[in-house]
Amino acid sequence: MNAFIAVVLVCANGLAQDACTDAQALEVRKVRVANELGCATGWQEIIARTERRDEIGKTAYLKTECRRVKDPQ
């Protein structure tokens, strides 16, 4: 059975989108979700609870990813 990890990367405005990775992001938030739709929802709430919420759109931007993970059986 497959599951997904929803990833939200907070990256500095000066960082190119292609360079915005887990290693280069200012902050990385991950949550396990049941399907691809779960990756597209809920991230707004995650970021709204962080200290960086006021930086989004001013000094930083968000990049979201949906990563498939295989459950160990």
N, C-alpha and C. Protein backbone atom coordinates (compact mmCIF):
# COMPACT_ATOMS: atom_id res chain seq x y z
N MET A 1 0.84 -1.17 0.00
CA MET A 1 0.00 0.00 0.00
C MET A 1 0.89 1.24 0.00
N ASN A 2 0.51 2.23 -0.76
CA ASN A 2 1.28 3.46 -0.84
C ASN A 2 0.66 4.54 0.04
N ALA A 3 1.51 5.38 0.54
CA ALA A 3 1.09 6.56 1.29
C ALA A 3 1.89 7.73 0.74
N PHE A 4 1.61 8.91 1.23
CA PHE A 4 2.27 10.10 0.74
C PHE A 4 2.75 10.96 1.89
N ILE A 5 3.79 11.72 1.63
CA ILE A 5 4.29 12.71 2.55
C ILE A 5 4.08 14.07 1.90
N ALA A 6 3.33 14.92 2.56
CA ALA A 6 3.16 16.30 2.09
C ALA A 6 4.32 17.10 2.67
N VAL A 7 5.04 17.80 1.81
CA VAL A 7 6.21 18.56 2.22
C VAL A 7 5.98 20.03 1.89
N VAL A 8 6.22 20.90 2.87
CA VAL A 8 6.14 22.34 2.66
C VAL A 8 7.52 22.90 2.96
N LEU A 9 8.11 23.52 1.96
CA LEU A 9 9.43 24.14 2.09
C LEU A 9 9.25 25.65 2.15
N VAL A 10 9.88 26.29 3.11
CA VAL A 10 9.90 27.75 3.19
C VAL A 10 11.28 28.18 2.70
N CYS A 11 11.31 28.91 1.59
CA CYS A 11 12.58 29.29 0.98
C CYS A 11 12.71 30.80 0.86
N ALA A 12 13.94 31.29 0.97
CA ALA A 12 14.21 32.72 0.83
C ALA A 12 13.91 33.16 -0.59
N ASN A 13 13.41 34.37 -0.74
CA ASN A 13 13.07 34.89 -2.06
C ASN A 13 14.23 34.84 -3.04
N GLY A 14 15.46 34.98 -2.56
CA GLY A 14 16.62 34.98 -3.43
C GLY A 14 17.02 33.60 -3.93
N LEU A 15 16.38 32.56 -3.44
CA LEU A 15 16.70 31.19 -3.84
C LEU A 15 15.80 30.76 -5.00
N ALA A 16 16.42 30.31 -6.08
CA ALA A 16 15.64 29.86 -7.24
C ALA A 16 14.76 28.68 -6.86
N GLN A 17 13.62 28.56 -7.51
CA GLN A 17 12.67 27.49 -7.18
C GLN A 17 13.31 26.11 -7.33
N ASP A 18 14.11 25.91 -8.35
CA ASP A 18 14.77 24.62 -8.54
C ASP A 18 15.75 24.30 -7.42
N ALA A 19 16.31 25.34 -6.81
CA ALA A 19 17.30 25.16 -5.74
C ALA A 19 16.64 25.01 -4.37
N CYS A 20 15.35 25.22 -4.30
CA CYS A 20 14.62 25.12 -3.03
C CYS A 20 14.40 23.63 -2.72
N THR A 21 15.28 23.10 -1.90
CA THR A 21 15.24 21.69 -1.51
C THR A 21 15.20 21.60 0.01
N ASP A 22 15.06 20.39 0.53
CA ASP A 22 15.06 20.20 1.98
C ASP A 22 16.33 20.80 2.60
N ALA A 23 17.45 20.63 1.92
CA ALA A 23 18.73 21.09 2.46
C ALA A 23 18.88 22.61 2.41
N GLN A 24 18.25 23.28 1.46
CA GLN A 24 18.42 24.72 1.28
C GLN A 24 17.29 25.55 1.88
N ALA A 25 16.20 24.93 2.24
CA ALA A 25 15.04 25.66 2.76
C ALA A 25 15.32 26.24 4.15
N LEU A 26 14.67 27.34 4.45
CA LEU A 26 14.76 27.94 5.77
C LEU A 26 14.05 27.07 6.80
N GLU A 27 13.00 26.42 6.34
CA GLU A 27 12.20 25.56 7.21
C GLU A 27 11.55 24.48 6.36
N VAL A 28 11.43 23.28 6.91
CA VAL A 28 10.80 22.16 6.21
C VAL A 28 9.76 21.55 7.14
N ARG A 29 8.56 21.41 6.65
CA ARG A 29 7.48 20.77 7.40
C ARG A 29 6.99 19.58 6.60
N LYS A 30 6.83 18.43 7.26
CA LYS A 30 6.36 17.22 6.59
C LYS A 30 5.25 16.59 7.41
N VAL A 31 4.27 16.06 6.68
CA VAL A 31 3.18 15.34 7.34
C VAL A 31 2.74 14.20 6.44
N ARG A 32 2.47 13.07 7.04
CA ARG A 32 2.00 11.91 6.28
C ARG A 32 0.52 12.09 5.96
N VAL A 33 0.15 11.84 4.72
CA VAL A 33 -1.24 11.96 4.28
C VAL A 33 -1.64 10.69 3.54
N ALA A 34 -2.93 10.46 3.40
CA ALA A 34 -3.44 9.23 2.81
C ALA A 34 -3.36 9.19 1.29
N ASN A 35 -3.44 10.37 0.65
CA ASN A 35 -3.49 10.39 -0.81
C ASN A 35 -2.98 11.73 -1.34
N GLU A 36 -2.94 11.86 -2.66
CA GLU A 36 -2.43 13.09 -3.28
C GLU A 36 -3.24 14.31 -2.89
N LEU A 37 -4.53 14.15 -2.72
CA LEU A 37 -5.38 15.27 -2.33
C LEU A 37 -4.95 15.83 -0.98
N GLY A 38 -4.53 14.96 -0.09
CA GLY A 38 -4.05 15.39 1.21
C GLY A 38 -2.83 16.28 1.12
N CYS A 39 -2.05 16.13 0.06
CA CYS A 39 -0.88 16.98 -0.14
C CYS A 39 -1.27 18.41 -0.51
N ALA A 40 -2.43 18.57 -1.09
CA ALA A 40 -2.86 19.88 -1.57
C ALA A 40 -3.64 20.68 -0.53
N THR A 41 -3.98 20.05 0.57
CA THR A 41 -4.77 20.74 1.58
C THR A 41 -4.06 20.71 2.93
N GLY A 42 -4.36 21.67 3.75
CA GLY A 42 -3.83 21.68 5.11
C GLY A 42 -2.53 22.41 5.30
N TRP A 43 -1.77 22.65 4.23
CA TRP A 43 -0.47 23.30 4.41
C TRP A 43 -0.61 24.74 4.87
N GLN A 44 -1.72 25.39 4.51
CA GLN A 44 -1.94 26.76 4.96
C GLN A 44 -2.00 26.83 6.48
N GLU A 45 -2.66 25.86 7.08
CA GLU A 45 -2.76 25.82 8.53
C GLU A 45 -1.41 25.54 9.17
N ILE A 46 -0.64 24.66 8.56
CA ILE A 46 0.69 24.34 9.08
C ILE A 46 1.55 25.59 9.13
N ILE A 47 1.59 26.34 8.04
CA ILE A 47 2.42 27.54 7.97
C ILE A 47 1.87 28.65 8.87
N ALA A 48 0.56 28.76 8.99
CA ALA A 48 -0.04 29.80 9.82
C ALA A 48 0.37 29.66 11.29
N ARG A 49 0.75 28.47 11.70
CA ARG A 49 1.15 28.23 13.09
C ARG A 49 2.65 28.46 13.33
N THR A 50 3.41 28.76 12.29
CA THR A 50 4.85 28.93 12.44
C THR A 50 5.21 30.39 12.67
N GLU A 51 6.42 30.61 13.15
CA GLU A 51 6.92 31.97 13.37
C GLU A 51 7.20 32.68 12.05
N ARG A 52 7.38 31.94 10.99
CA ARG A 52 7.71 32.53 9.68
C ARG A 52 6.49 32.99 8.89
N ARG A 53 5.32 32.84 9.43
CA ARG A 53 4.09 33.15 8.68
C ARG A 53 4.07 34.57 8.12
N ASP A 54 4.65 35.52 8.84
CA ASP A 54 4.64 36.91 8.37
C ASP A 54 5.65 37.16 7.26
N GLU A 55 6.61 36.26 7.09
CA GLU A 55 7.64 36.42 6.06
C GLU A 55 7.16 35.98 4.67
N ILE A 56 6.15 35.11 4.64
CA ILE A 56 5.69 34.55 3.37
C ILE A 56 5.16 35.67 2.48
N GLY A 57 5.71 35.75 1.28
CA GLY A 57 5.31 36.77 0.33
C GLY A 57 6.14 38.04 0.43
N LYS A 58 6.90 38.18 1.51
CA LYS A 58 7.74 39.37 1.68
C LYS A 58 9.21 39.00 1.48
N THR A 59 9.71 38.10 2.33
CA THR A 59 11.12 37.70 2.25
C THR A 59 11.29 36.22 1.93
N ALA A 60 10.18 35.50 1.88
CA ALA A 60 10.23 34.06 1.64
C ALA A 60 9.02 33.61 0.84
N TYR A 61 9.14 32.42 0.25
CA TYR A 61 8.02 31.83 -0.49
C TYR A 61 7.88 30.37 -0.09
N LEU A 62 6.76 29.77 -0.45
CA LEU A 62 6.50 28.37 -0.15
C LEU A 62 6.61 27.51 -1.40
N LYS A 63 7.13 26.34 -1.20
CA LYS A 63 7.14 25.33 -2.26
C LYS A 63 6.56 24.07 -1.64
N THR A 64 5.58 23.47 -2.30
CA THR A 64 4.96 22.26 -1.77
C THR A 64 5.29 21.08 -2.68
N GLU A 65 5.47 19.93 -2.07
CA GLU A 65 5.75 18.70 -2.81
C GLU A 65 4.91 17.58 -2.22
N CYS A 66 4.61 16.60 -3.05
CA CYS A 66 3.92 15.40 -2.61
C CYS A 66 4.82 14.22 -2.94
N ARG A 67 5.31 13.55 -1.92
CA ARG A 67 6.24 12.44 -2.13
C ARG A 67 5.58 11.12 -1.79
N ARG A 68 5.69 10.20 -2.72
CA ARG A 68 5.12 8.86 -2.50
C ARG A 68 6.11 8.03 -1.67
N VAL A 69 5.59 7.36 -0.67
CA VAL A 69 6.41 6.47 0.14
C VAL A 69 5.73 5.11 0.19
N LYS A 70 6.52 4.08 0.19
CA LYS A 70 5.97 2.73 0.24
C LYS A 70 5.97 2.27 1.69
N ASP A 71 4.82 1.84 2.15
CA ASP A 71 4.71 1.33 3.52
C ASP A 71 5.42 -0.01 3.63
N PRO A 72 6.21 -0.21 4.67
CA PRO A 72 6.82 -1.52 4.87
C PRO A 72 5.74 -2.54 5.20
N GLN A 73 5.88 -3.73 4.67
CA GLN A 73 4.85 -4.74 4.91
C GLN A 73 5.39 -5.86 5.75
